[in-house]
N, C-alpha and C. Protein backbone atom coordinates (compact mmCIF):
# COMPACT_ATOMS: atom_id res chain seq x y z
N MET A 1 51.82 -21.56 -7.37
CA MET A 1 50.37 -21.43 -6.67
C MET A 1 50.16 -20.94 -5.32
N ALA A 2 51.30 -21.24 -4.46
CA ALA A 2 51.22 -20.76 -3.20
C ALA A 2 51.47 -19.28 -2.98
N SER A 3 52.39 -18.66 -3.89
CA SER A 3 52.66 -17.21 -3.90
C SER A 3 51.49 -16.37 -4.00
N PHE A 4 50.37 -17.04 -4.91
CA PHE A 4 49.16 -16.44 -5.13
C PHE A 4 48.38 -16.18 -3.76
N TYR A 5 48.39 -17.15 -3.19
CA TYR A 5 47.41 -16.96 -1.93
C TYR A 5 48.43 -16.28 -0.85
N ARG A 6 49.61 -16.18 -0.94
CA ARG A 6 50.37 -15.30 0.13
C ARG A 6 50.20 -13.85 -0.11
N SER A 7 50.00 -13.55 -1.53
CA SER A 7 49.97 -12.22 -1.83
C SER A 7 48.48 -11.63 -1.39
N LYS A 8 47.55 -12.48 -1.22
CA LYS A 8 46.32 -11.93 -0.88
C LYS A 8 46.34 -11.78 0.58
N GLN A 9 47.38 -12.57 1.40
CA GLN A 9 47.24 -12.33 2.78
C GLN A 9 47.97 -11.08 3.31
N ASN A 10 48.86 -10.60 2.27
CA ASN A 10 49.58 -9.26 2.56
C ASN A 10 48.96 -7.96 2.08
N ALA A 11 47.86 -8.15 1.53
CA ALA A 11 46.95 -6.86 1.07
C ALA A 11 46.71 -5.98 2.25
N GLU A 12 46.87 -4.65 1.76
CA GLU A 12 46.55 -3.60 2.67
C GLU A 12 45.07 -3.60 3.25
N ALA A 13 44.86 -3.40 4.62
CA ALA A 13 43.39 -3.09 5.04
C ALA A 13 42.84 -1.82 4.54
N VAL A 14 41.67 -1.92 4.24
CA VAL A 14 41.14 -0.72 3.75
C VAL A 14 40.65 0.20 4.88
N ASN A 15 41.00 1.62 4.52
CA ASN A 15 40.62 2.60 5.64
C ASN A 15 39.15 3.03 5.49
N LEU A 16 38.21 2.84 6.41
CA LEU A 16 37.09 3.10 6.19
C LEU A 16 36.97 4.18 7.25
N ILE A 17 36.06 5.12 6.62
CA ILE A 17 35.62 6.50 7.52
C ILE A 17 34.20 6.82 7.38
N ASP A 18 33.66 7.13 8.28
CA ASP A 18 32.23 7.61 8.38
C ASP A 18 31.89 8.66 7.28
N THR A 19 30.99 8.31 6.49
CA THR A 19 30.74 9.30 5.04
C THR A 19 29.35 9.61 5.18
N GLN A 20 28.99 10.82 4.77
CA GLN A 20 27.65 11.19 4.62
C GLN A 20 27.14 10.66 3.36
N ILE A 21 26.07 10.12 3.50
CA ILE A 21 25.23 9.35 2.04
C ILE A 21 23.92 9.76 2.04
N TRP A 22 23.26 9.64 1.01
CA TRP A 22 21.99 9.70 0.59
C TRP A 22 21.54 8.20 0.37
N ILE A 23 20.36 7.72 0.81
CA ILE A 23 20.03 6.49 0.58
C ILE A 23 18.41 6.63 0.06
N CYS A 24 17.91 5.76 -0.71
CA CYS A 24 16.63 5.90 -1.13
C CYS A 24 15.54 5.50 0.03
N SER A 25 14.76 6.10 -0.16
CA SER A 25 13.55 5.94 0.79
C SER A 25 12.65 4.79 0.45
N ASN A 26 12.63 4.36 -0.73
CA ASN A 26 11.91 3.23 -1.11
C ASN A 26 12.71 1.89 -0.90
N GLN A 27 12.07 1.11 0.03
CA GLN A 27 12.51 -0.12 0.67
C GLN A 27 12.86 -1.16 -0.50
N SER A 28 12.48 -1.31 -1.81
CA SER A 28 12.78 -2.12 -2.63
C SER A 28 13.71 -1.62 -3.45
N CYS A 29 14.31 -0.43 -3.39
CA CYS A 29 15.37 0.22 -4.24
C CYS A 29 16.72 0.41 -3.19
N LYS A 30 17.95 -0.27 -3.91
CA LYS A 30 18.88 -0.32 -3.12
C LYS A 30 20.06 1.15 -3.41
N CYS A 31 19.44 1.86 -3.98
CA CYS A 31 20.64 3.08 -4.65
C CYS A 31 20.87 3.91 -3.41
N TRP A 32 22.09 4.42 -3.28
CA TRP A 32 22.79 5.34 -2.45
C TRP A 32 23.72 6.01 -3.17
N LEU A 33 24.27 7.24 -2.62
CA LEU A 33 25.07 8.05 -3.28
C LEU A 33 25.77 8.80 -1.88
N ARG A 34 27.14 9.19 -2.49
CA ARG A 34 27.90 10.01 -1.40
C ARG A 34 27.36 11.19 -1.37
N ASP A 35 27.40 12.11 -0.29
CA ASP A 35 26.79 13.35 -0.20
C ASP A 35 27.66 14.20 -1.21
N GLU A 36 29.01 14.05 -1.17
CA GLU A 36 29.93 14.94 -1.80
C GLU A 36 29.68 14.96 -3.38
N TYR A 37 28.94 13.89 -3.95
CA TYR A 37 28.55 13.71 -5.35
C TYR A 37 27.22 14.24 -5.47
N SER A 38 26.48 14.70 -4.85
CA SER A 38 25.13 15.00 -5.06
C SER A 38 25.18 16.28 -5.79
N PHE A 39 24.15 16.60 -6.31
CA PHE A 39 24.17 17.80 -7.36
C PHE A 39 23.06 18.84 -6.69
N SER A 40 22.18 18.37 -5.71
CA SER A 40 21.45 19.21 -4.94
C SER A 40 21.31 19.08 -3.49
N GLN A 41 20.62 19.88 -2.87
CA GLN A 41 20.69 19.53 -1.36
C GLN A 41 19.79 18.59 -0.62
N LYS A 42 18.81 18.18 -1.75
CA LYS A 42 17.88 17.19 -1.29
C LYS A 42 17.68 16.33 -2.59
N PRO A 43 18.38 15.47 -2.85
CA PRO A 43 18.39 14.51 -4.17
C PRO A 43 17.26 13.65 -4.22
N ILE A 44 17.02 13.45 -5.22
CA ILE A 44 15.67 12.65 -5.75
C ILE A 44 16.71 11.30 -6.31
N CYS A 45 16.08 10.14 -5.94
CA CYS A 45 16.74 8.67 -6.28
C CYS A 45 16.77 8.82 -7.91
N PRO A 46 18.12 8.46 -8.48
CA PRO A 46 18.12 8.43 -10.03
C PRO A 46 17.57 7.15 -10.64
N MET A 47 17.17 6.06 -9.86
CA MET A 47 16.75 4.88 -10.24
C MET A 47 15.24 4.75 -10.12
N CYS A 48 14.66 5.28 -8.95
CA CYS A 48 13.25 5.13 -8.84
C CYS A 48 12.34 6.40 -8.83
N GLN A 49 13.17 7.59 -8.68
CA GLN A 49 12.68 8.87 -8.59
C GLN A 49 11.84 9.17 -7.09
N SER A 50 12.35 8.29 -6.07
CA SER A 50 11.83 8.41 -4.89
C SER A 50 12.53 9.66 -4.02
N SER A 51 12.34 10.12 -2.95
CA SER A 51 12.97 11.06 -2.10
C SER A 51 14.12 10.17 -1.54
N MET A 52 14.99 10.78 -1.04
CA MET A 52 16.14 10.41 -0.57
C MET A 52 16.50 10.67 1.06
N ILE A 53 16.91 9.92 1.82
CA ILE A 53 17.34 10.24 3.17
C ILE A 53 18.98 10.47 3.53
N ASN A 54 19.10 11.33 4.35
CA ASN A 54 20.56 11.40 4.57
C ASN A 54 20.91 10.64 5.96
N GLN A 55 22.13 9.79 5.47
CA GLN A 55 22.46 9.03 6.75
C GLN A 55 24.19 8.72 6.75
N THR A 56 24.80 8.24 7.51
CA THR A 56 26.14 7.88 7.60
C THR A 56 26.38 6.55 7.50
N LYS A 57 27.62 6.08 6.67
CA LYS A 57 28.00 4.89 6.39
C LYS A 57 29.53 4.78 6.24
N ALA A 58 29.99 3.68 7.06
CA ALA A 58 31.67 3.52 6.84
C ALA A 58 31.91 3.03 5.57
N LEU A 59 32.77 3.75 4.70
CA LEU A 59 33.10 3.55 3.45
C LEU A 59 34.46 3.89 3.47
N PRO A 60 35.05 3.13 2.10
CA PRO A 60 36.65 3.64 1.98
C PRO A 60 36.84 4.90 1.54
N GLN A 61 38.05 5.53 2.07
CA GLN A 61 38.05 6.90 1.71
C GLN A 61 38.55 6.91 0.23
N ILE A 62 38.20 8.17 -0.45
CA ILE A 62 38.62 8.27 -1.76
C ILE A 62 39.54 9.37 -1.89
N VAL A 63 40.71 9.17 -2.21
CA VAL A 63 41.69 9.94 -2.69
C VAL A 63 41.42 10.72 -3.87
N LYS A 64 41.27 12.03 -3.77
CA LYS A 64 41.35 12.96 -5.14
C LYS A 64 42.62 13.30 -5.50
N ALA A 65 42.82 12.88 -6.76
CA ALA A 65 44.10 13.31 -7.44
C ALA A 65 43.95 14.53 -8.25
N ASN A 66 44.84 15.51 -8.28
CA ASN A 66 44.95 16.72 -8.97
C ASN A 66 45.00 16.44 -10.42
N VAL A 67 44.31 16.94 -11.18
CA VAL A 67 44.42 16.65 -12.71
C VAL A 67 45.16 17.67 -13.41
N TYR A 68 45.58 18.64 -12.86
CA TYR A 68 46.23 19.97 -13.37
C TYR A 68 47.33 19.71 -13.78
């Protein structure tokens, strides 16, 4: 059981980077998405259909793998 807790202590720190995101303008909606995954220049919230606002958020870096 002690080795279980020790493995959590040795976990790598997550590398956070400032990332451009879109957040929903509706205060009751919690939806947001990364700008690089947006299909339009001014996206509409997929959850409530409200407009979205461009902001920056510290998020873990996503490493894209080559599928070829």
